[in-house]
């Protein structure tokens, strides 16, 4: 079992499903990326830079996308919750798999 799989397996089944969905999207969008645990969270890195970090917390899942991408996403998806460098998806809402895919694709081309 990889470090990332070990990270994901520590969570309840529903959260694991969401994290594995992000992982699958990451492998599809970033096929040449290296997957690792960086700063204690799963990370996809390509071309010498981290492209997506993701993590589960008590009440949400976070994607680290960076300052510029958050500014862009706030305009495109104002209904989502953001911090300075992340977008968050609450556990008590349906998980937006297609939105996560779109965000990963945007990050790849940003």
N, C-alpha and C. Protein backbone atom coordinates (compact mmCIF):
# COMPACT_ATOMS: atom_id res chain seq x y z
N UNK A 1 0.85 -1.18 0.00
CA UNK A 1 0.00 0.00 0.00
C UNK A 1 0.89 1.24 0.00
N UNK A 2 0.57 2.21 -0.86
CA UNK A 2 1.36 3.44 -0.95
C UNK A 2 1.05 4.36 0.23
N UNK A 3 1.89 5.38 0.42
CA UNK A 3 1.65 6.36 1.47
C UNK A 3 0.31 7.07 1.26
N UNK A 4 -0.02 7.37 0.01
CA UNK A 4 -1.28 8.05 -0.28
C UNK A 4 -2.45 7.13 0.04
N UNK A 5 -2.36 5.87 -0.34
CA UNK A 5 -3.43 4.93 0.00
C UNK A 5 -3.59 4.80 1.51
N UNK A 6 -2.49 4.75 2.24
CA UNK A 6 -2.55 4.69 3.70
C UNK A 6 -3.24 5.93 4.27
N UNK A 7 -2.92 7.09 3.71
CA UNK A 7 -3.56 8.33 4.14
C UNK A 7 -5.07 8.22 3.95
N UNK A 8 -5.50 7.81 2.77
CA UNK A 8 -6.93 7.74 2.45
C UNK A 8 -7.65 6.72 3.32
N UNK A 9 -7.02 5.60 3.58
CA UNK A 9 -7.67 4.50 4.31
C UNK A 9 -7.95 4.84 5.78
N UNK A 10 -7.38 5.90 6.30
CA UNK A 10 -7.63 6.26 7.70
C UNK A 10 -8.99 6.92 7.92
N UNK A 11 -9.70 7.24 6.83
CA UNK A 11 -10.97 7.95 6.92
C UNK A 11 -12.16 7.00 6.77
N UNK A 12 -13.35 7.44 7.18
CA UNK A 12 -14.56 6.63 6.98
C UNK A 12 -14.80 6.40 5.49
N UNK A 13 -15.57 5.37 5.19
CA UNK A 13 -15.80 4.93 3.80
C UNK A 13 -16.24 6.05 2.87
N UNK A 14 -17.20 6.86 3.28
CA UNK A 14 -17.71 7.93 2.40
C UNK A 14 -16.60 8.92 2.05
N UNK A 15 -15.76 9.25 3.01
CA UNK A 15 -14.66 10.18 2.77
C UNK A 15 -13.61 9.51 1.88
N UNK A 16 -13.34 8.24 2.13
CA UNK A 16 -12.41 7.50 1.26
C UNK A 16 -12.87 7.55 -0.19
N UNK A 17 -14.17 7.36 -0.41
CA UNK A 17 -14.70 7.39 -1.77
C UNK A 17 -14.41 8.73 -2.43
N UNK A 18 -14.58 9.81 -1.71
CA UNK A 18 -14.30 11.14 -2.25
C UNK A 18 -12.82 11.33 -2.53
N UNK A 19 -11.98 10.90 -1.61
CA UNK A 19 -10.54 11.04 -1.80
C UNK A 19 -10.04 10.18 -2.95
N UNK A 20 -10.55 8.95 -3.05
CA UNK A 20 -10.15 8.10 -4.17
C UNK A 20 -10.63 8.69 -5.50
N UNK A 21 -11.77 9.38 -5.49
CA UNK A 21 -12.25 10.05 -6.71
C UNK A 21 -11.27 11.15 -7.13
N UNK A 22 -10.82 11.94 -6.17
CA UNK A 22 -9.83 12.98 -6.49
C UNK A 22 -8.56 12.35 -7.02
N UNK A 23 -8.13 11.29 -6.38
CA UNK A 23 -6.90 10.59 -6.81
C UNK A 23 -7.04 10.08 -8.24
N UNK A 24 -8.17 9.49 -8.56
CA UNK A 24 -8.41 8.99 -9.91
C UNK A 24 -8.41 10.13 -10.93
N UNK A 25 -9.07 11.21 -10.59
CA UNK A 25 -9.07 12.39 -11.47
C UNK A 25 -7.64 12.88 -11.66
N UNK A 26 -6.88 12.93 -10.59
CA UNK A 26 -5.49 13.38 -10.69
C UNK A 26 -4.67 12.54 -11.63
N UNK A 27 -4.81 11.22 -11.54
CA UNK A 27 -4.07 10.34 -12.46
C UNK A 27 -4.50 10.55 -13.91
N UNK A 28 -5.79 10.86 -14.13
CA UNK A 28 -6.28 11.08 -15.50
C UNK A 28 -5.84 12.43 -16.05
N UNK A 29 -5.92 13.47 -15.24
CA UNK A 29 -5.59 14.82 -15.71
C UNK A 29 -4.08 15.05 -15.75
N UNK A 30 -3.36 14.45 -14.82
CA UNK A 30 -1.91 14.62 -14.73
C UNK A 30 -1.22 13.27 -14.91
N UNK A 31 -1.30 12.64 -16.08
CA UNK A 31 -0.80 11.27 -16.25
C UNK A 31 0.69 11.11 -16.00
N UNK A 32 1.46 12.17 -16.12
CA UNK A 32 2.92 12.08 -15.91
C UNK A 32 3.34 12.58 -14.54
N UNK A 33 2.38 12.87 -13.69
CA UNK A 33 2.70 13.42 -12.37
C UNK A 33 3.22 12.35 -11.43
N UNK A 34 3.98 12.80 -10.46
CA UNK A 34 4.41 11.96 -9.35
C UNK A 34 3.42 12.18 -8.22
N UNK A 35 3.00 11.10 -7.60
CA UNK A 35 2.10 11.18 -6.46
C UNK A 35 2.92 10.93 -5.20
N UNK A 36 2.68 11.76 -4.19
CA UNK A 36 3.42 11.61 -2.94
C UNK A 36 2.66 12.28 -1.81
N UNK A 37 3.12 12.05 -0.61
CA UNK A 37 2.64 12.80 0.55
C UNK A 37 3.62 13.96 0.74
N UNK A 38 3.09 15.17 0.74
CA UNK A 38 3.91 16.36 0.92
C UNK A 38 3.18 17.27 1.89
N UNK A 39 3.86 17.73 2.91
CA UNK A 39 3.22 18.49 3.99
C UNK A 39 2.05 17.69 4.59
N UNK A 40 2.24 16.39 4.68
CA UNK A 40 1.29 15.44 5.30
C UNK A 40 -0.01 15.25 4.53
N UNK A 41 -0.06 15.67 3.25
CA UNK A 41 -1.27 15.48 2.45
C UNK A 41 -0.91 14.93 1.07
N UNK A 42 -1.83 14.23 0.42
CA UNK A 42 -1.58 13.73 -0.94
C UNK A 42 -1.36 14.88 -1.92
N UNK A 43 -0.37 14.68 -2.79
CA UNK A 43 0.04 15.72 -3.73
C UNK A 43 0.38 15.11 -5.07
N UNK A 44 -0.04 15.80 -6.13
CA UNK A 44 0.40 15.48 -7.47
C UNK A 44 1.38 16.56 -7.89
N UNK A 45 2.57 16.15 -8.35
CA UNK A 45 3.59 17.09 -8.79
C UNK A 45 4.02 16.72 -10.21
N UNK A 46 4.19 17.74 -11.02
CA UNK A 46 4.65 17.52 -12.39
C UNK A 46 5.48 18.71 -12.83
N UNK A 47 6.47 18.46 -13.64
CA UNK A 47 7.31 19.54 -14.12
C UNK A 47 8.01 20.30 -13.02
N UNK A 48 8.31 19.62 -11.92
CA UNK A 48 9.02 20.25 -10.81
C UNK A 48 8.15 21.11 -9.91
N UNK A 49 6.83 21.06 -10.08
CA UNK A 49 5.94 21.85 -9.21
C UNK A 49 4.74 21.02 -8.77
N UNK A 50 4.24 21.35 -7.58
CA UNK A 50 3.02 20.72 -7.11
C UNK A 50 1.86 21.31 -7.91
N UNK A 51 0.98 20.45 -8.42
CA UNK A 51 -0.16 20.96 -9.18
C UNK A 51 -1.45 20.87 -8.39
N UNK A 52 -1.60 19.85 -7.57
CA UNK A 52 -2.79 19.72 -6.71
C UNK A 52 -2.38 19.00 -5.43
N UNK A 53 -2.79 19.57 -4.30
CA UNK A 53 -2.70 18.90 -3.02
C UNK A 53 -4.14 18.75 -2.55
N UNK A 54 -4.44 17.68 -1.85
CA UNK A 54 -5.81 17.50 -1.35
C UNK A 54 -5.77 16.82 0.00
N UNK A 55 -6.81 17.06 0.79
CA UNK A 55 -6.85 16.49 2.13
C UNK A 55 -8.28 16.46 2.64
N UNK A 56 -8.51 15.58 3.59
CA UNK A 56 -9.81 15.50 4.26
C UNK A 56 -9.66 16.05 5.67
N UNK A 57 -10.67 16.78 6.08
CA UNK A 57 -10.75 17.31 7.43
C UNK A 57 -12.09 16.89 8.03
N UNK A 58 -12.32 17.27 9.25
CA UNK A 58 -13.51 16.83 9.96
C UNK A 58 -14.81 17.12 9.20
N UNK A 59 -14.89 18.30 8.57
CA UNK A 59 -16.15 18.67 7.94
C UNK A 59 -16.06 18.98 6.44
N UNK A 60 -14.88 18.79 5.85
CA UNK A 60 -14.76 19.10 4.43
C UNK A 60 -13.53 18.44 3.81
N UNK A 61 -13.47 18.50 2.48
CA UNK A 61 -12.28 18.13 1.71
C UNK A 61 -11.74 19.40 1.09
N UNK A 62 -10.44 19.53 1.11
CA UNK A 62 -9.78 20.72 0.58
C UNK A 62 -8.91 20.37 -0.61
N UNK A 63 -8.94 21.24 -1.62
CA UNK A 63 -7.98 21.20 -2.73
C UNK A 63 -7.14 22.46 -2.64
N UNK A 64 -5.82 22.31 -2.58
CA UNK A 64 -4.92 23.46 -2.65
C UNK A 64 -4.67 23.76 -4.12
N UNK A 65 -5.04 24.95 -4.54
CA UNK A 65 -4.89 25.30 -5.96
C UNK A 65 -4.07 26.57 -6.17
N UNK A 66 -3.76 27.31 -5.13
CA UNK A 66 -2.93 28.51 -5.23
C UNK A 66 -3.75 29.79 -5.28
N UNK A 67 -3.07 30.90 -4.99
CA UNK A 67 -3.71 32.21 -4.91
C UNK A 67 -4.43 32.61 -6.20
N UNK A 68 -3.69 32.53 -7.32
CA UNK A 68 -4.24 33.00 -8.59
C UNK A 68 -5.45 32.15 -9.01
N UNK A 69 -5.36 30.85 -8.82
CA UNK A 69 -6.47 29.98 -9.21
C UNK A 69 -7.68 30.23 -8.32
N UNK A 70 -7.48 30.46 -7.02
CA UNK A 70 -8.61 30.78 -6.14
C UNK A 70 -9.30 32.06 -6.62
N UNK A 71 -8.53 33.09 -6.97
CA UNK A 71 -9.14 34.32 -7.47
C UNK A 71 -9.98 34.04 -8.71
N UNK A 72 -9.48 33.22 -9.61
CA UNK A 72 -10.22 32.87 -10.81
C UNK A 72 -11.48 32.08 -10.46
N UNK A 73 -11.33 31.07 -9.60
CA UNK A 73 -12.46 30.20 -9.25
C UNK A 73 -13.57 30.94 -8.52
N UNK A 74 -13.21 31.92 -7.69
CA UNK A 74 -14.22 32.69 -6.96
C UNK A 74 -15.19 33.36 -7.93
N UNK A 75 -14.69 33.80 -9.06
CA UNK A 75 -15.56 34.42 -10.06
C UNK A 75 -16.36 33.37 -10.82
N UNK A 76 -15.75 32.24 -11.13
CA UNK A 76 -16.41 31.19 -11.91
C UNK A 76 -17.39 30.38 -11.07
N UNK A 77 -17.08 30.15 -9.81
CA UNK A 77 -17.91 29.32 -8.92
C UNK A 77 -18.11 30.03 -7.58
N UNK A 78 -18.87 31.11 -7.58
CA UNK A 78 -19.01 31.90 -6.34
C UNK A 78 -19.72 31.17 -5.21
N UNK A 79 -20.43 30.09 -5.52
CA UNK A 79 -21.17 29.35 -4.49
C UNK A 79 -20.26 28.48 -3.62
N UNK A 80 -19.02 28.28 -4.03
CA UNK A 80 -18.09 27.43 -3.28
C UNK A 80 -17.43 28.21 -2.14
N UNK A 81 -16.86 27.47 -1.21
CA UNK A 81 -16.16 28.06 -0.06
C UNK A 81 -14.65 28.05 -0.35
N UNK A 82 -13.99 29.14 -0.04
CA UNK A 82 -12.57 29.30 -0.35
C UNK A 82 -11.80 29.82 0.86
N UNK A 83 -10.49 29.55 0.84
CA UNK A 83 -9.53 30.26 1.68
C UNK A 83 -8.61 30.99 0.70
N UNK A 84 -7.51 31.51 1.17
CA UNK A 84 -6.60 32.23 0.27
C UNK A 84 -6.05 31.34 -0.84
N UNK A 85 -5.84 30.04 -0.55
CA UNK A 85 -5.20 29.16 -1.53
C UNK A 85 -5.95 27.86 -1.77
N UNK A 86 -7.16 27.72 -1.19
CA UNK A 86 -7.88 26.44 -1.31
C UNK A 86 -9.34 26.65 -1.70
N UNK A 87 -9.91 25.57 -2.19
CA UNK A 87 -11.35 25.45 -2.36
C UNK A 87 -11.79 24.27 -1.50
N UNK A 88 -12.93 24.41 -0.83
CA UNK A 88 -13.38 23.41 0.12
C UNK A 88 -14.74 22.84 -0.27
N UNK A 89 -14.90 21.54 -0.03
CA UNK A 89 -16.14 20.83 -0.34
C UNK A 89 -16.65 20.17 0.94
N UNK A 90 -17.73 20.71 1.52
CA UNK A 90 -18.26 20.16 2.78
C UNK A 90 -18.73 18.72 2.63
N UNK A 91 -18.54 17.95 3.69
CA UNK A 91 -18.97 16.55 3.69
C UNK A 91 -20.50 16.42 3.68
N UNK A 92 -21.20 17.44 4.15
CA UNK A 92 -22.66 17.34 4.22
C UNK A 92 -23.35 17.75 2.91
N UNK A 93 -22.56 17.93 1.85
CA UNK A 93 -23.11 18.23 0.52
C UNK A 93 -22.65 17.15 -0.45
N UNK A 94 -23.38 16.99 -1.55
CA UNK A 94 -22.94 16.05 -2.59
C UNK A 94 -21.55 16.44 -3.07
N UNK A 95 -20.72 15.45 -3.31
CA UNK A 95 -19.36 15.72 -3.75
C UNK A 95 -19.36 16.01 -5.25
N UNK A 96 -18.86 17.18 -5.65
CA UNK A 96 -18.92 17.61 -7.05
C UNK A 96 -17.78 17.05 -7.90
N UNK A 97 -17.86 15.78 -8.25
CA UNK A 97 -16.79 15.10 -8.98
C UNK A 97 -16.44 15.85 -10.27
N UNK A 98 -17.44 16.24 -11.03
CA UNK A 98 -17.17 16.92 -12.30
C UNK A 98 -16.52 18.29 -12.09
N UNK A 99 -16.91 18.99 -11.05
CA UNK A 99 -16.27 20.27 -10.74
C UNK A 99 -14.81 20.05 -10.37
N UNK A 100 -14.53 19.03 -9.58
CA UNK A 100 -13.14 18.72 -9.22
C UNK A 100 -12.33 18.41 -10.49
N UNK A 101 -12.91 17.67 -11.41
CA UNK A 101 -12.24 17.37 -12.68
C UNK A 101 -11.96 18.67 -13.45
N UNK A 102 -12.95 19.55 -13.53
CA UNK A 102 -12.78 20.83 -14.22
C UNK A 102 -11.68 21.66 -13.58
N UNK A 103 -11.66 21.69 -12.25
CA UNK A 103 -10.64 22.46 -11.54
C UNK A 103 -9.25 21.90 -11.83
N UNK A 104 -9.12 20.58 -11.78
CA UNK A 104 -7.81 19.96 -12.08
C UNK A 104 -7.37 20.28 -13.51
N UNK A 105 -8.31 20.23 -14.44
CA UNK A 105 -7.97 20.56 -15.82
C UNK A 105 -7.57 22.03 -15.96
N UNK A 106 -8.24 22.91 -15.22
CA UNK A 106 -7.88 24.33 -15.24
C UNK A 106 -6.48 24.53 -14.66
N UNK A 107 -6.20 23.86 -13.54
CA UNK A 107 -4.90 23.98 -12.90
C UNK A 107 -3.80 23.53 -13.87
N UNK A 108 -4.06 22.45 -14.59
CA UNK A 108 -3.09 21.93 -15.56
C UNK A 108 -2.77 22.96 -16.63
N UNK A 109 -3.75 23.77 -17.01
CA UNK A 109 -3.57 24.73 -18.09
C UNK A 109 -3.41 26.17 -17.61
N UNK A 110 -3.38 26.39 -16.31
CA UNK A 110 -3.35 27.75 -15.75
C UNK A 110 -1.96 28.33 -15.84
